[in-house]
Amino acid sequence: MIDAIENRRSVRTYEKKKLSEKDKIKVHELLESMELVKGPFGNRAQWFYRDSEYLESDEPVQIGTY
C-alpha cells in the first residue's frame, strides 16, 4: 500500500483555450470571496489564477497544487 501511495499521480484533461474576460472576472470575484473564508483552525488559504503559457504546446504539463 505504501508503494501505491508513493507512486500515485493525478491526471486531468483540460481544454486548450483561454478563459473569456467575463469568466476571468467571475473567477477573480470567487477567489476574492474565498480569501475571507477561514479554515477549521482559523487559517486562510491563498488563491490565485494564472493564464498558462502552455496552451499552444502539445507536451503534457504537470500542474502544481497543494
N, C-alpha and C. Protein backbone atom coordinates (compact mmCIF):
# COMPACT_ATOMS: atom_id res chain seq x y z
N MET A 1 0.81 -1.19 0.00
CA MET A 1 0.00 0.00 0.00
C MET A 1 0.86 1.26 0.00
N ILE A 2 1.96 1.24 0.73
CA ILE A 2 2.87 2.40 0.76
C ILE A 2 3.39 2.69 -0.64
N ASP A 3 3.72 1.65 -1.41
CA ASP A 3 4.18 1.85 -2.78
C ASP A 3 3.12 2.56 -3.62
N ALA A 4 1.88 2.17 -3.46
CA ALA A 4 0.78 2.80 -4.21
C ALA A 4 0.66 4.27 -3.86
N ILE A 5 0.79 4.59 -2.58
CA ILE A 5 0.71 5.99 -2.15
C ILE A 5 1.87 6.80 -2.70
N GLU A 6 3.07 6.26 -2.62
CA GLU A 6 4.26 6.97 -3.08
C GLU A 6 4.29 7.15 -4.59
N ASN A 7 3.69 6.23 -5.33
CA ASN A 7 3.75 6.28 -6.79
C ASN A 7 2.49 6.83 -7.44
N ARG A 8 1.55 7.32 -6.63
CA ARG A 8 0.31 7.81 -7.19
C ARG A 8 0.54 9.07 -8.02
N ARG A 9 -0.33 9.30 -8.97
CA ARG A 9 -0.29 10.53 -9.73
C ARG A 9 -1.69 10.87 -10.20
N SER A 10 -1.93 12.11 -10.36
CA SER A 10 -3.24 12.60 -10.76
C SER A 10 -3.15 13.08 -12.20
N VAL A 11 -4.09 12.66 -13.02
CA VAL A 11 -4.09 13.06 -14.43
C VAL A 11 -5.44 13.69 -14.74
N ARG A 12 -5.40 14.88 -15.30
CA ARG A 12 -6.63 15.57 -15.68
C ARG A 12 -6.50 16.03 -17.12
N THR A 13 -7.62 16.22 -17.76
CA THR A 13 -7.64 16.71 -19.12
C THR A 13 -8.29 18.08 -19.14
N TYR A 14 -7.65 19.03 -19.78
CA TYR A 14 -8.16 20.39 -19.87
C TYR A 14 -8.28 20.79 -21.33
N GLU A 15 -9.24 21.65 -21.61
CA GLU A 15 -9.35 22.20 -22.95
C GLU A 15 -8.25 23.23 -23.13
N LYS A 16 -7.70 23.29 -24.34
CA LYS A 16 -6.62 24.25 -24.61
C LYS A 16 -7.22 25.55 -25.14
N LYS A 17 -7.92 26.26 -24.27
CA LYS A 17 -8.44 27.57 -24.64
C LYS A 17 -8.43 28.46 -23.41
N LYS A 18 -8.21 29.74 -23.66
CA LYS A 18 -8.16 30.70 -22.57
C LYS A 18 -9.57 31.04 -22.11
N LEU A 19 -9.67 31.47 -20.87
CA LEU A 19 -10.95 31.94 -20.35
C LEU A 19 -11.32 33.26 -21.00
N SER A 20 -12.60 33.48 -21.18
CA SER A 20 -13.06 34.77 -21.67
C SER A 20 -12.85 35.81 -20.58
N GLU A 21 -12.87 37.08 -20.94
CA GLU A 21 -12.71 38.14 -19.95
C GLU A 21 -13.83 38.07 -18.91
N LYS A 22 -15.04 37.76 -19.36
CA LYS A 22 -16.18 37.64 -18.45
C LYS A 22 -15.93 36.52 -17.42
N ASP A 23 -15.41 35.38 -17.89
CA ASP A 23 -15.12 34.26 -16.99
C ASP A 23 -13.96 34.59 -16.05
N LYS A 24 -12.96 35.32 -16.54
CA LYS A 24 -11.84 35.72 -15.68
C LYS A 24 -12.33 36.59 -14.53
N ILE A 25 -13.26 37.49 -14.83
CA ILE A 25 -13.81 38.36 -13.78
C ILE A 25 -14.55 37.52 -12.75
N LYS A 26 -15.34 36.54 -13.21
CA LYS A 26 -16.07 35.66 -12.29
C LYS A 26 -15.11 34.88 -11.40
N VAL A 27 -14.05 34.35 -11.99
CA VAL A 27 -13.06 33.59 -11.21
C VAL A 27 -12.39 34.51 -10.19
N HIS A 28 -12.01 35.71 -10.63
CA HIS A 28 -11.35 36.66 -9.73
C HIS A 28 -12.27 37.00 -8.55
N GLU A 29 -13.55 37.24 -8.83
CA GLU A 29 -14.50 37.55 -7.76
C GLU A 29 -14.66 36.37 -6.80
N LEU A 30 -14.72 35.17 -7.33
CA LEU A 30 -14.84 33.98 -6.49
C LEU A 30 -13.61 33.83 -5.60
N LEU A 31 -12.42 34.00 -6.17
CA LEU A 31 -11.20 33.86 -5.40
C LEU A 31 -11.09 34.93 -4.32
N GLU A 32 -11.53 36.15 -4.63
CA GLU A 32 -11.52 37.21 -3.62
C GLU A 32 -12.44 36.86 -2.46
N SER A 33 -13.60 36.30 -2.76
CA SER A 33 -14.53 35.94 -1.68
C SER A 33 -13.99 34.78 -0.85
N MET A 34 -13.23 33.90 -1.45
CA MET A 34 -12.67 32.75 -0.73
C MET A 34 -11.57 33.17 0.24
N GLU A 35 -10.94 34.31 -0.02
CA GLU A 35 -9.89 34.79 0.88
C GLU A 35 -10.44 35.16 2.26
N LEU A 36 -11.75 35.39 2.34
CA LEU A 36 -12.38 35.75 3.60
C LEU A 36 -12.75 34.53 4.44
N VAL A 37 -12.73 33.36 3.82
CA VAL A 37 -13.14 32.13 4.49
C VAL A 37 -12.00 31.60 5.35
N LYS A 38 -12.30 31.27 6.59
CA LYS A 38 -11.29 30.69 7.48
C LYS A 38 -11.45 29.18 7.52
N GLY A 39 -10.33 28.48 7.62
CA GLY A 39 -10.33 27.03 7.76
C GLY A 39 -10.70 26.64 9.18
N PRO A 40 -10.74 25.34 9.44
CA PRO A 40 -11.16 24.86 10.76
C PRO A 40 -10.21 25.27 11.90
N PHE A 41 -8.99 25.65 11.58
CA PHE A 41 -8.03 26.05 12.61
C PHE A 41 -7.76 27.55 12.57
N GLY A 42 -8.65 28.30 11.88
CA GLY A 42 -8.52 29.75 11.83
C GLY A 42 -7.60 30.26 10.74
N ASN A 43 -7.07 29.38 9.90
CA ASN A 43 -6.16 29.78 8.85
C ASN A 43 -6.94 30.18 7.59
N ARG A 44 -6.26 30.87 6.69
CA ARG A 44 -6.85 31.25 5.41
C ARG A 44 -5.95 30.73 4.29
N ALA A 45 -6.58 30.26 3.23
CA ALA A 45 -5.83 29.77 2.07
C ALA A 45 -5.55 30.94 1.12
N GLN A 46 -4.48 30.81 0.36
CA GLN A 46 -4.17 31.78 -0.68
C GLN A 46 -4.63 31.19 -2.00
N TRP A 47 -5.37 31.96 -2.76
CA TRP A 47 -5.90 31.52 -4.04
C TRP A 47 -5.40 32.43 -5.13
N PHE A 48 -5.16 31.87 -6.31
CA PHE A 48 -4.74 32.70 -7.45
C PHE A 48 -5.14 32.03 -8.75
N TYR A 49 -5.19 32.83 -9.79
CA TYR A 49 -5.45 32.35 -11.15
C TYR A 49 -4.33 32.88 -12.02
N ARG A 50 -3.85 32.04 -12.91
CA ARG A 50 -2.79 32.46 -13.82
C ARG A 50 -3.03 31.82 -15.17
N ASP A 51 -2.95 32.63 -16.24
CA ASP A 51 -3.03 32.07 -17.58
C ASP A 51 -1.82 31.18 -17.82
N SER A 52 -2.02 30.11 -18.54
CA SER A 52 -0.93 29.19 -18.82
C SER A 52 -0.23 29.55 -20.12
N GLU A 53 1.09 29.52 -20.08
CA GLU A 53 1.86 29.74 -21.30
C GLU A 53 1.96 28.46 -22.13
N TYR A 54 1.36 27.38 -21.64
CA TYR A 54 1.46 26.08 -22.31
C TYR A 54 0.24 25.76 -23.16
N LEU A 55 -0.63 26.72 -23.40
CA LEU A 55 -1.84 26.46 -24.17
C LEU A 55 -1.53 26.00 -25.59
N GLU A 56 -0.46 26.49 -26.14
CA GLU A 56 -0.11 26.16 -27.52
C GLU A 56 0.76 24.90 -27.63
N SER A 57 1.19 24.37 -26.51
CA SER A 57 2.11 23.24 -26.50
C SER A 57 1.35 21.90 -26.57
N ASP A 58 1.95 20.94 -27.26
CA ASP A 58 1.39 19.59 -27.30
C ASP A 58 1.96 18.71 -26.20
N GLU A 59 2.94 19.25 -25.48
CA GLU A 59 3.57 18.49 -24.40
C GLU A 59 2.66 18.48 -23.17
N PRO A 60 2.57 17.35 -22.47
CA PRO A 60 1.81 17.33 -21.23
C PRO A 60 2.50 18.22 -20.18
N VAL A 61 1.70 18.90 -19.39
CA VAL A 61 2.23 19.81 -18.38
C VAL A 61 1.70 19.38 -17.02
N GLN A 62 2.59 19.32 -16.05
CA GLN A 62 2.19 18.98 -14.69
C GLN A 62 1.81 20.27 -13.98
N ILE A 63 0.61 20.27 -13.42
CA ILE A 63 0.12 21.43 -12.71
C ILE A 63 0.34 21.20 -11.22
N GLY A 64 1.01 22.13 -10.58
CA GLY A 64 1.27 22.00 -9.15
C GLY A 64 0.09 22.49 -8.32
N THR A 65 -0.33 21.68 -7.41
CA THR A 65 -1.35 22.09 -6.45
C THR A 65 -0.85 21.69 -5.08
N TYR A 66 -1.54 21.99 -4.07
CA TYR A 66 -1.20 21.67 -2.68
C TYR A 66 -0.55 22.83 -2.04
